[in-house]
């Protein structure tokens, strides 16, 4: 089963959003957000903006 992880880590005066896919690929925001919640929201929007990556989770030939 594939998992997409959304996380927020401290960066400067705020938090950086990161999306991690099951194959180990991580995509981080270049900007910092004032709160963890805003960083997680930005990560979620990033995932929704790349539907092809979500579709890949259902392909049988894609490693988890």
C-alpha atoms as a PDB file:
ATOM      1  CA  UNK A   1       0.000   0.000   0.000  1.00  0.00           C
ATOM      2  CA  UNK A   2       1.366   3.405  -0.946  1.00  0.00           C
ATOM      3  CA  UNK A   3       1.598   6.232   1.538  1.00  0.00           C
ATOM      4  CA  UNK A   4       2.111   9.914   0.893  1.00  0.00           C
ATOM      5  CA  UNK A   5       3.489  11.751   3.909  1.00  0.00           C
ATOM      6  CA  UNK A   6       3.029  15.467   4.477  1.00  0.00           C
ATOM      7  CA  UNK A   7       5.317  17.086   7.007  1.00  0.00           C
ATOM      8  CA  UNK A   8       6.521  20.424   8.308  1.00  0.00           C
ATOM      9  CA  UNK A   9      10.039  21.085   9.562  1.00  0.00           C
ATOM     10  CA  UNK A  10      11.490  24.265  11.056  1.00  0.00           C
ATOM     11  CA  UNK A  11      13.099  26.586   8.503  1.00  0.00           C
ATOM     12  CA  UNK A  12      14.236  30.092   9.361  1.00  0.00           C
ATOM     13  CA  UNK A  13      11.374  31.883  11.090  1.00  0.00           C
ATOM     14  CA  UNK A  14       8.764  29.337  10.042  1.00  0.00           C
ATOM     15  CA  UNK A  15       8.219  25.847   8.665  1.00  0.00           C
ATOM     16  CA  UNK A  16       9.020  24.159   5.368  1.00  0.00           C
ATOM     17  CA  UNK A  17       6.475  21.829   3.774  1.00  0.00           C
ATOM     18  CA  UNK A  18       7.618  18.414   2.515  1.00  0.00           C
ATOM     19  CA  UNK A  19       5.762  15.744   0.556  1.00  0.00           C
ATOM     20  CA  UNK A  20       7.296  12.242   0.645  1.00  0.00           C
ATOM     21  CA  UNK A  21       6.121   9.513  -1.740  1.00  0.00           C
ATOM     22  CA  UNK A  22       6.432   5.747  -1.138  1.00  0.00           C
ATOM     23  CA  UNK A  23       9.312   5.417  -3.607  1.00  0.00           C
ATOM     24  CA  UNK A  24      11.375   7.769  -1.437  1.00  0.00           C
ATOM     25  CA  UNK A  25      11.007  10.881  -3.574  1.00  0.00           C
ATOM     26  CA  UNK A  26      10.572  14.002  -1.448  1.00  0.00           C
ATOM     27  CA  UNK A  27       9.469  17.412  -2.635  1.00  0.00           C
ATOM     28  CA  UNK A  28      10.001  20.388  -0.329  1.00  0.00           C
ATOM     29  CA  UNK A  29       8.701  23.922  -0.602  1.00  0.00           C
ATOM     30  CA  UNK A  30      11.223  26.637  -1.245  1.00  0.00           C
ATOM     31  CA  UNK A  31       9.359  29.056   0.986  1.00  0.00           C
ATOM     32  CA  UNK A  32       8.789  28.982   4.739  1.00  0.00           C
ATOM     33  CA  UNK A  33       5.327  29.262   6.258  1.00  0.00           C
ATOM     34  CA  UNK A  34       4.516  30.945   9.597  1.00  0.00           C
ATOM     35  CA  UNK A  35       2.832  27.872  11.129  1.00  0.00           C
ATOM     36  CA  UNK A  36       3.059  24.103  10.837  1.00  0.00           C
ATOM     37  CA  UNK A  37      -0.589  24.005   9.766  1.00  0.00           C
ATOM     38  CA  UNK A  38       0.082  26.345   6.840  1.00  0.00           C
ATOM     39  CA  UNK A  39       3.090  24.268   5.797  1.00  0.00           C
ATOM     40  CA  UNK A  40       1.034  21.040   5.876  1.00  0.00           C
ATOM     41  CA  UNK A  41      -1.729  22.746   3.885  1.00  0.00           C
ATOM     42  CA  UNK A  42       0.830  23.855   1.288  1.00  0.00           C
ATOM     43  CA  UNK A  43       2.143  20.283   1.053  1.00  0.00           C
ATOM     44  CA  UNK A  44      -1.386  18.947   0.550  1.00  0.00           C
ATOM     45  CA  UNK A  45      -2.032  21.478  -2.210  1.00  0.00           C
ATOM     46  CA  UNK A  46       1.236  20.449  -3.843  1.00  0.00           C
ATOM     47  CA  UNK A  47       0.044  16.810  -3.882  1.00  0.00           C
ATOM     48  CA  UNK A  48      -3.306  17.803  -5.368  1.00  0.00           C
ATOM     49  CA  UNK A  49      -1.482  19.802  -8.038  1.00  0.00           C
ATOM     50  CA  UNK A  50       0.304  16.647  -9.251  1.00  0.00           C
ATOM     51  CA  UNK A  51      -2.501  14.097  -9.839  1.00  0.00           C
ATOM     52  CA  UNK A  52      -0.232  11.939 -12.020  1.00  0.00           C
ATOM     53  CA  UNK A  53       1.871  11.103  -8.942  1.00  0.00           C
ATOM     54  CA  UNK A  54      -1.243   9.975  -7.082  1.00  0.00           C
ATOM     55  CA  UNK A  55      -2.351   7.899 -10.075  1.00  0.00           C
ATOM     56  CA  UNK A  56       1.066   6.184 -10.028  1.00  0.00           C
ATOM     57  CA  UNK A  57       0.268   4.836  -6.546  1.00  0.00           C
ATOM     58  CA  UNK A  58      -2.383   2.574  -8.088  1.00  0.00           C
ATOM     59  CA  UNK A  59      -0.200   1.186 -10.858  1.00  0.00           C
ATOM     60  CA  UNK A  60       0.737  -2.450 -10.179  1.00  0.00           C
ATOM     61  CA  UNK A  61       4.243  -2.000 -11.624  1.00  0.00           C
ATOM     62  CA  UNK A  62       5.130   0.911  -9.294  1.00  0.00           C
ATOM     63  CA  UNK A  63       7.183  -0.160  -6.265  1.00  0.00           C
ATOM     64  CA  UNK A  64       5.847   0.834  -2.828  1.00  0.00           C
END
